[in-house]
C-alpha atoms as a PDB file:
ATOM      1  CA  MET A   1    -106.964-313.471  77.749  1.00  0.00           C
ATOM      2  CA  ALA A   2    -107.407-312.836  81.458  1.00  0.00           C
ATOM      3  CA  VAL A   3    -105.357-309.635  81.152  1.00  0.00           C
ATOM      4  CA  VAL A   4    -107.602-308.342  78.363  1.00  0.00           C
ATOM      5  CA  LEU A   5    -110.741-309.138  80.332  1.00  0.00           C
ATOM      6  CA  ALA A   6    -109.352-307.437  83.425  1.00  0.00           C
ATOM      7  CA  TRP A   7    -108.462-304.338  81.391  1.00  0.00           C
ATOM      8  CA  LEU A   8    -111.885-304.311  79.703  1.00  0.00           C
ATOM      9  CA  ASN A   9    -113.597-304.674  83.061  1.00  0.00           C
ATOM     10  CA  ALA A  10    -111.572-301.883  84.688  1.00  0.00           C
ATOM     11  CA  ARG A  11    -111.633-299.425  81.762  1.00  0.00           C
ATOM     12  CA  VAL A  12    -115.063-299.962  80.190  1.00  0.00           C
ATOM     13  CA  VAL A  13    -117.469-301.964  82.352  1.00  0.00           C
ATOM     14  CA  ASP A  14    -116.715-300.334  85.718  1.00  0.00           C
ATOM     15  CA  PRO A  15    -117.071-296.692  84.536  1.00  0.00           C
ATOM     16  CA  VAL A  16    -120.333-297.451  82.719  1.00  0.00           C
ATOM     17  CA  MET A  17    -121.674-299.333  85.746  1.00  0.00           C
ATOM     18  CA  GLN A  18    -120.829-296.358  87.975  1.00  0.00           C
ATOM     19  CA  VAL A  19    -122.863-294.116  85.676  1.00  0.00           C
ATOM     20  CA  ILE A  20    -125.759-296.595  85.730  1.00  0.00           C
ATOM     21  CA  GLN A  21    -125.672-296.858  89.528  1.00  0.00           C
ATOM     22  CA  ARG A  22    -125.947-293.084  89.839  1.00  0.00           C
ATOM     23  CA  GLY A  23    -129.390-293.284  88.247  1.00  0.00           C
ATOM     24  CA  ALA A  24    -128.869-292.019  84.700  1.00  0.00           C
ATOM     25  CA  GLU A  25    -131.684-292.091  82.156  1.00  0.00           C
ATOM     26  CA  PRO A  26    -131.600-295.185  79.888  1.00  0.00           C
ATOM     27  CA  LYS A  27    -132.325-293.259  76.671  1.00  0.00           C
ATOM     28  CA  GLN A  28    -129.608-290.719  77.432  1.00  0.00           C
ATOM     29  CA  LEU A  29    -127.140-293.538  78.114  1.00  0.00           C
ATOM     30  CA  ALA A  30    -128.172-295.341  74.926  1.00  0.00           C
ATOM     31  CA  PHE A  31    -127.736-292.182  72.863  1.00  0.00           C
ATOM     32  CA  SER A  32    -124.371-291.421  74.482  1.00  0.00           C
ATOM     33  CA  ALA A  33    -123.115-294.971  73.963  1.00  0.00           C
ATOM     34  CA  ALA A  34    -124.296-295.068  70.347  1.00  0.00           C
ATOM     35  CA  LEU A  35    -122.764-291.670  69.620  1.00  0.00           C
ATOM     36  CA  GLY A  36    -119.504-292.622  71.336  1.00  0.00           C
ATOM     37  CA  LEU A  37    -119.151-295.771  69.250  1.00  0.00           C
ATOM     38  CA  THR A  38    -120.165-293.982  66.050  1.00  0.00           C
ATOM     39  CA  ILE A  39    -117.605-291.241  66.607  1.00  0.00           C
ATOM     40  CA  GLY A  40    -115.097-293.852  67.763  1.00  0.00           C
ATOM     41  CA  ILE A  41    -115.077-295.527  64.338  1.00  0.00           C
ATOM     42  CA  PHE A  42    -114.188-292.296  62.491  1.00  0.00           C
ATOM     43  CA  PRO A  43    -111.509-293.447  60.037  1.00  0.00           C
ATOM     44  CA  ILE A  44    -108.781-290.927  60.943  1.00  0.00           C
ATOM     45  CA  CYS A  45    -106.826-292.278  63.889  1.00  0.00           C
ATOM     46  CA  GLY A  46    -106.192-289.891  66.738  1.00  0.00           C
ATOM     47  CA  THR A  47    -109.073-287.545  66.007  1.00  0.00           C
ATOM     48  CA  THR A  48    -111.910-289.381  67.720  1.00  0.00           C
ATOM     49  CA  VAL A  49    -111.154-288.005  71.189  1.00  0.00           C
ATOM     50  CA  ILE A  50    -111.269-284.438  69.882  1.00  0.00           C
ATOM     51  CA  ILE A  51    -114.485-285.084  67.962  1.00  0.00           C
ATOM     52  CA  GLY A  52    -115.998-286.752  71.039  1.00  0.00           C
ATOM     53  CA  GLY A  53    -115.027-283.782  73.197  1.00  0.00           C
ATOM     54  CA  VAL A  54    -116.626-281.390  70.726  1.00  0.00           C
ATOM     55  CA  ALA A  55    -119.793-283.523  70.725  1.00  0.00           C
ATOM     56  CA  VAL A  56    -119.923-283.492  74.542  1.00  0.00           C
ATOM     57  CA  ALA A  57    -119.438-279.719  74.588  1.00  0.00           C
ATOM     58  CA  ALA A  58    -122.090-279.184  71.908  1.00  0.00           C
ATOM     59  CA  LEU A  59    -124.677-281.531  73.419  1.00  0.00           C
ATOM     60  CA  GLY A  60    -124.106-280.578  77.051  1.00  0.00           C
ATOM     61  CA  ALA A  61    -126.609-282.225  79.380  1.00  0.00           C
ATOM     62  CA  ARG A  62    -128.285-284.141  76.544  1.00  0.00           C
ATOM     63  CA  CYS A  63    -125.553-286.760  76.593  1.00  0.00           C
ATOM     64  CA  ASN A  64    -123.533-288.521  79.261  1.00  0.00           C
ATOM     65  CA  ALA A  65    -119.895-287.514  78.785  1.00  0.00           C
ATOM     66  CA  VAL A  66    -118.414-290.514  80.607  1.00  0.00           C
ATOM     67  CA  THR A  67    -120.366-293.057  78.580  1.00  0.00           C
ATOM     68  CA  LEU A  68    -119.626-291.289  75.296  1.00  0.00           C
ATOM     69  CA  MET A  69    -115.885-291.014  75.901  1.00  0.00           C
ATOM     70  CA  VAL A  70    -115.415-294.507  77.361  1.00  0.00           C
ATOM     71  CA  LEU A  71    -117.126-296.159  74.402  1.00  0.00           C
ATOM     72  CA  ASN A  72    -115.383-293.786  72.006  1.00  0.00           C
ATOM     73  CA  LEU A  73    -112.010-295.051  73.241  1.00  0.00           C
ATOM     74  CA  ALA A  74    -113.184-298.663  73.448  1.00  0.00           C
ATOM     75  CA  ALA A  75    -114.061-298.502  69.744  1.00  0.00           C
ATOM     76  CA  THR A  76    -110.416-298.086  68.675  1.00  0.00           C
ATOM     77  CA  PRO A  77    -109.913-301.711  67.520  1.00  0.00           C
ATOM     78  CA  LEU A  78    -113.148-301.469  65.564  1.00  0.00           C
ATOM     79  CA  GLU A  79    -112.004-298.143  64.102  1.00  0.00           C
ATOM     80  CA  LEU A  80    -108.824-299.702  62.790  1.00  0.00           C
ATOM     81  CA  SER A  81    -110.685-302.623  61.249  1.00  0.00           C
ATOM     82  CA  LEU A  82    -113.211-300.372  59.480  1.00  0.00           C
ATOM     83  CA  ILE A  83    -110.807-297.964  57.758  1.00  0.00           C
ATOM     84  CA  ILE A  84    -110.609-300.036  54.578  1.00  0.00           C
ATOM     85  CA  PRO A  85    -114.391-300.688  54.335  1.00  0.00           C
ATOM     86  CA  PHE A  86    -115.029-296.937  54.753  1.00  0.00           C
ATOM     87  CA  LEU A  87    -112.370-296.233  52.101  1.00  0.00           C
ATOM     88  CA  ARG A  88    -113.982-298.659  49.664  1.00  0.00           C
ATOM     89  CA  LEU A  89    -117.468-297.259  50.373  1.00  0.00           C
ATOM     90  CA  GLY A  90    -116.247-293.723  49.679  1.00  0.00           C
ATOM     91  CA  GLU A  91    -114.580-294.871  46.470  1.00  0.00           C
ATOM     92  CA  ALA A  92    -117.773-296.621  45.372  1.00  0.00           C
ATOM     93  CA  LEU A  93    -119.837-293.504  46.090  1.00  0.00           C
ATOM     94  CA  THR A  94    -117.559-291.283  44.021  1.00  0.00           C
ATOM     95  CA  GLY A  95    -116.875-293.836  41.276  1.00  0.00           C
ATOM     96  CA  SER A  96    -113.117-293.639  41.883  1.00  0.00           C
ATOM     97  CA  ASP A  97    -110.631-296.367  41.172  1.00  0.00           C
ATOM     98  CA  PRO A  98    -109.632-298.381  44.253  1.00  0.00           C
ATOM     99  CA  PHE A  99    -106.603-297.019  46.071  1.00  0.00           C
ATOM    100  CA  PRO A 100    -103.800-299.623  46.031  1.00  0.00           C
ATOM    101  CA  LEU A 101    -102.974-300.553  49.604  1.00  0.00           C
ATOM    102  CA  THR A 102     -99.245-301.153  49.328  1.00  0.00           C
ATOM    103  CA  SER A 103     -96.323-300.801  51.702  1.00  0.00           C
ATOM    104  CA  ASP A 104     -95.083-297.836  49.624  1.00  0.00           C
ATOM    105  CA  ALA A 105     -98.322-295.919  50.251  1.00  0.00           C
ATOM    106  CA  PHE A 106     -98.096-296.689  53.967  1.00  0.00           C
ATOM    107  CA  LYS A 107     -94.450-295.550  54.016  1.00  0.00           C
ATOM    108  CA  MET A 108     -95.390-292.253  52.333  1.00  0.00           C
ATOM    109  CA  VAL A 109     -98.081-291.594  54.956  1.00  0.00           C
ATOM    110  CA  ILE A 110     -95.753-292.396  57.865  1.00  0.00           C
ATOM    111  CA  THR A 111     -92.884-290.246  56.540  1.00  0.00           C
ATOM    112  CA  GLY A 112     -95.157-287.307  55.731  1.00  0.00           C
ATOM    113  CA  HIS A 113     -94.654-287.481  51.974  1.00  0.00           C
ATOM    114  CA  ALA A 114     -98.257-288.261  51.153  1.00  0.00           C
ATOM    115  CA  SER A 115     -99.222-287.877  47.545  1.00  0.00           C
ATOM    116  CA  LYS A 116    -102.484-286.532  46.166  1.00  0.00           C
ATOM    117  CA  ASP A 117    -103.775-290.109  45.886  1.00  0.00           C
ATOM    118  CA  VAL A 118    -103.172-290.780  49.593  1.00  0.00           C
ATOM    119  CA  LEU A 119    -104.931-287.565  50.595  1.00  0.00           C
ATOM    120  CA  LEU A 120    -107.823-288.411  48.268  1.00  0.00           C
ATOM    121  CA  SER A 121    -108.107-291.856  49.856  1.00  0.00           C
ATOM    122  CA  ILE A 122    -108.417-290.204  53.287  1.00  0.00           C
ATOM    123  CA  VAL A 123    -111.247-288.052  51.919  1.00  0.00           C
ATOM    124  CA  HIS A 124    -112.913-291.184  50.507  1.00  0.00           C
ATOM    125  CA  ALA A 125    -112.688-292.925  53.900  1.00  0.00           C
ATOM    126  CA  MET A 126    -114.233-289.884  55.601  1.00  0.00           C
ATOM    127  CA  LEU A 127    -117.023-289.822  53.001  1.00  0.00           C
ATOM    128  CA  GLY A 128    -117.701-293.522  53.606  1.00  0.00           C
ATOM    129  CA  TRP A 129    -117.958-292.885  57.350  1.00  0.00           C
ATOM    130  CA  LEU A 130    -120.165-289.838  56.802  1.00  0.00           C
ATOM    131  CA  VAL A 131    -122.641-291.926  54.809  1.00  0.00           C
ATOM    132  CA  ALA A 132    -122.562-294.889  57.199  1.00  0.00           C
ATOM    133  CA  ALA A 133    -122.585-292.922  60.482  1.00  0.00           C
ATOM    134  CA  PRO A 134    -126.328-292.069  60.634  1.00  0.00           C
ATOM    135  CA  VAL A 135    -127.234-295.707  59.995  1.00  0.00           C
ATOM    136  CA  VAL A 136    -124.722-296.950  62.566  1.00  0.00           C
ATOM    137  CA  LEU A 137    -125.980-294.416  65.129  1.00  0.00           C
ATOM    138  CA  ALA A 138    -129.640-295.364  64.577  1.00  0.00           C
ATOM    139  CA  VAL A 139    -128.985-299.108  64.760  1.00  0.00           C
ATOM    140  CA  LEU A 140    -126.831-298.828  67.874  1.00  0.00           C
ATOM    141  CA  TYR A 141    -129.355-296.565  69.614  1.00  0.00           C
ATOM    142  CA  THR A 142    -132.167-299.004  68.813  1.00  0.00           C
ATOM    143  CA  VAL A 143    -130.129-301.886  70.230  1.00  0.00           C
ATOM    144  CA  PHE A 144    -128.868-299.988  73.290  1.00  0.00           C
ATOM    145  CA  VAL A 145    -132.193-298.574  74.554  1.00  0.00           C
ATOM    146  CA  PRO A 146    -133.576-301.920  75.810  1.00  0.00           C
ATOM    147  CA  CYS A 147    -130.133-302.912  77.107  1.00  0.00           C
ATOM    148  CA  PHE A 148    -129.774-299.761  79.194  1.00  0.00           C
ATOM    149  CA  LYS A 149    -133.401-299.936  80.370  1.00  0.00           C
ATOM    150  CA  TYR A 150    -132.659-303.383  81.732  1.00  0.00           C
ATOM    151  CA  LEU A 151    -129.319-302.344  83.260  1.00  0.00           C
ATOM    152  CA  VAL A 152    -130.715-299.193  84.883  1.00  0.00           C
ATOM    153  CA  GLY A 153    -133.714-301.143  86.192  1.00  0.00           C
ATOM    154  CA  ARG A 154    -131.491-303.852  87.574  1.00  0.00           C
ATOM    155  CA  PHE A 155    -128.480-301.890  88.865  1.00  0.00           C
ATOM    156  CA  GLY A 156    -129.581-298.249  88.840  1.00  0.00           C
ATOM    157  CA  GLY A 157    -130.155-295.972  91.759  1.00  0.00           C
ATOM    158  CA  ILE A 158    -132.494-293.037  92.103  1.00  0.00           C
ATOM    159  CA  PRO A 159    -132.638-290.985  88.889  1.00  0.00           C
ATOM    160  CA  SER A 160    -130.962-287.595  89.125  1.00  0.00           C
ATOM    161  CA  SER A 161    -133.944-285.945  87.407  1.00  0.00           C
ATOM    162  CA  PRO A 162    -137.124-287.863  88.260  1.00  0.00           C
ATOM    163  CA  ARG A 163    -140.077-287.452  85.918  1.00  0.00           C
ATOM    164  CA  THR A 164    -142.574-287.025  88.742  1.00  0.00           C
ATOM    165  CA  PRO A 165    -142.009-284.220  91.220  1.00  0.00           C
ATOM    166  CA  MET A 166    -141.294-285.114  94.808  1.00  0.00           C
ATOM    167  CA  LYS A 167    -144.069-284.490  97.342  1.00  0.00           C
ATOM    168  CA  VAL A 168    -143.551-281.664  99.778  1.00  0.00           C
ATOM    169  CA  VAL A 169    -143.864-282.839 103.383  1.00  0.00           C
END
């Protein structure tokens, strides 16, 4: 347990605290964290880093790249645990029969001999995520705004873009 906590501290907490100490805006941090976690639970393993990078490139200065990518990667265990709920949500939305989760289906995916049913299940999982993602993003943002306001107020430095102009001496 101590090893996991040390890893979590070094790989997640420390980078986010460095961003906070540099004086980032709480709402920007909350949005970046919420978006990073939302993208991080995308149900196709291995694609979240690419999607996160595209989001950072598209949003530019409107998001904090470090916060988005750190929480994107930290969401991997959650991503793996939500694949089946996203699959079932997508199946419910389309009225499809549930995909049987058997060792044979897993073997076909691993060996590259995926059938039409396996590919359709991947589409269903993506559809489930697509429907859930706006809700997840909104809830996380709402939760993170007060958290980051507190953290920036407590540990933050001078904001990099103050709202009031500095006085000329």
